[in-house]
Amino acid sequence: MRARGLARVAPQRKLIPHLTERTDDVWRLIGDGALAAAREVLRKIERQLKVLPQ
C-alpha cells in the first residue's frame, strides 16, 4: 500500500520545487514544537498541489 502511495507522489516532487527539503523542514519544525510554522509550510505546499493539473 505504501509503495503505491509513494508512486502517486513521485511525479509531484518534480512539479513542486524543493518538496523533499520542505517536508524535512516540516518535520524539524514539528520536532522543535513550532507547530504554527510547520502548518504554514504545509499550507503553502497544499496551495501548490491544488493548482497542479489533475
C-alpha atoms as a PDB file:
ATOM      1  CA  MET A   1       0.000   0.000   0.000  1.00  0.00           C
ATOM      2  CA  ARG A   2       2.739   2.456   0.937  1.00  0.00           C
ATOM      3  CA  ALA A   3       4.631   1.916  -2.312  1.00  0.00           C
ATOM      4  CA  ARG A   4       1.527   2.705  -4.327  1.00  0.00           C
ATOM      5  CA  GLY A   5       1.035   5.946  -2.397  1.00  0.00           C
ATOM      6  CA  LEU A   6       4.643   6.947  -2.944  1.00  0.00           C
ATOM      7  CA  ALA A   7       4.331   6.207  -6.658  1.00  0.00           C
ATOM      8  CA  ARG A   8       1.474   8.702  -6.873  1.00  0.00           C
ATOM      9  CA  VAL A   9       3.513  11.373  -5.090  1.00  0.00           C
ATOM     10  CA  ALA A  10       6.688  10.897  -7.148  1.00  0.00           C
ATOM     11  CA  PRO A  11       5.550  12.950 -10.189  1.00  0.00           C
ATOM     12  CA  GLN A  12       4.506  15.816  -7.907  1.00  0.00           C
ATOM     13  CA  ARG A  13       8.017  16.087  -6.483  1.00  0.00           C
ATOM     14  CA  LYS A  14       9.166  17.316  -9.865  1.00  0.00           C
ATOM     15  CA  LEU A  15       6.380  19.886 -10.077  1.00  0.00           C
ATOM     16  CA  ILE A  16       6.734  21.373  -6.597  1.00  0.00           C
ATOM     17  CA  PRO A  17      10.132  22.991  -6.064  1.00  0.00           C
ATOM     18  CA  HIS A  18      12.145  21.632  -3.141  1.00  0.00           C
ATOM     19  CA  LEU A  19       9.332  19.387  -1.914  1.00  0.00           C
ATOM     20  CA  THR A  20      11.666  16.953  -0.176  1.00  0.00           C
ATOM     21  CA  GLU A  21      13.522  19.711   1.641  1.00  0.00           C
ATOM     22  CA  ARG A  22      10.292  21.422   2.638  1.00  0.00           C
ATOM     23  CA  THR A  23       8.934  18.153   4.003  1.00  0.00           C
ATOM     24  CA  ASP A  24      12.104  17.762   6.058  1.00  0.00           C
ATOM     25  CA  ASP A  25      11.590  21.318   7.333  1.00  0.00           C
ATOM     26  CA  VAL A  26       8.045  20.475   8.414  1.00  0.00           C
ATOM     27  CA  TRP A  27       9.238  17.512  10.476  1.00  0.00           C
ATOM     28  CA  ARG A  28      12.044  19.588  12.009  1.00  0.00           C
ATOM     29  CA  LEU A  29       9.592  22.345  12.916  1.00  0.00           C
ATOM     30  CA  ILE A  30       7.206  19.834  14.480  1.00  0.00           C
ATOM     31  CA  GLY A  31      10.066  18.343  16.491  1.00  0.00           C
ATOM     32  CA  ASP A  32      11.027  21.826  17.668  1.00  0.00           C
ATOM     33  CA  GLY A  33       7.450  22.499  18.731  1.00  0.00           C
ATOM     34  CA  ALA A  34       6.969  25.204  16.090  1.00  0.00           C
ATOM     35  CA  LEU A  35       3.581  23.902  15.023  1.00  0.00           C
ATOM     36  CA  ALA A  36       2.290  27.173  13.578  1.00  0.00           C
ATOM     37  CA  ALA A  37       5.334  27.465  11.319  1.00  0.00           C
ATOM     38  CA  ALA A  38       5.005  23.812  10.252  1.00  0.00           C
ATOM     39  CA  ARG A  39       1.336  24.365   9.462  1.00  0.00           C
ATOM     40  CA  GLU A  40       2.212  27.385   7.305  1.00  0.00           C
ATOM     41  CA  VAL A  41       4.725  25.370   5.269  1.00  0.00           C
ATOM     42  CA  LEU A  42       2.099  22.656   4.792  1.00  0.00           C
ATOM     43  CA  ARG A  43      -0.452  25.239   3.670  1.00  0.00           C
ATOM     44  CA  LYS A  44       1.967  26.571   1.066  1.00  0.00           C
ATOM     45  CA  ILE A  45       2.526  23.049  -0.244  1.00  0.00           C
ATOM     46  CA  GLU A  46      -1.235  22.477  -0.289  1.00  0.00           C
ATOM     47  CA  ARG A  47      -1.786  25.633  -2.358  1.00  0.00           C
ATOM     48  CA  GLN A  48       0.796  24.421  -4.864  1.00  0.00           C
ATOM     49  CA  LEU A  49      -0.842  20.994  -5.027  1.00  0.00           C
ATOM     50  CA  LYS A  50      -4.246  22.499  -5.751  1.00  0.00           C
ATOM     51  CA  VAL A  51      -3.014  24.196  -8.921  1.00  0.00           C
ATOM     52  CA  LEU A  52      -1.385  21.085 -10.369  1.00  0.00           C
ATOM     53  CA  PRO A  53      -3.112  19.519 -13.363  1.00  0.00           C
ATOM     54  CA  GLN A  54      -5.214  16.531 -12.418  1.00  0.00           C
END
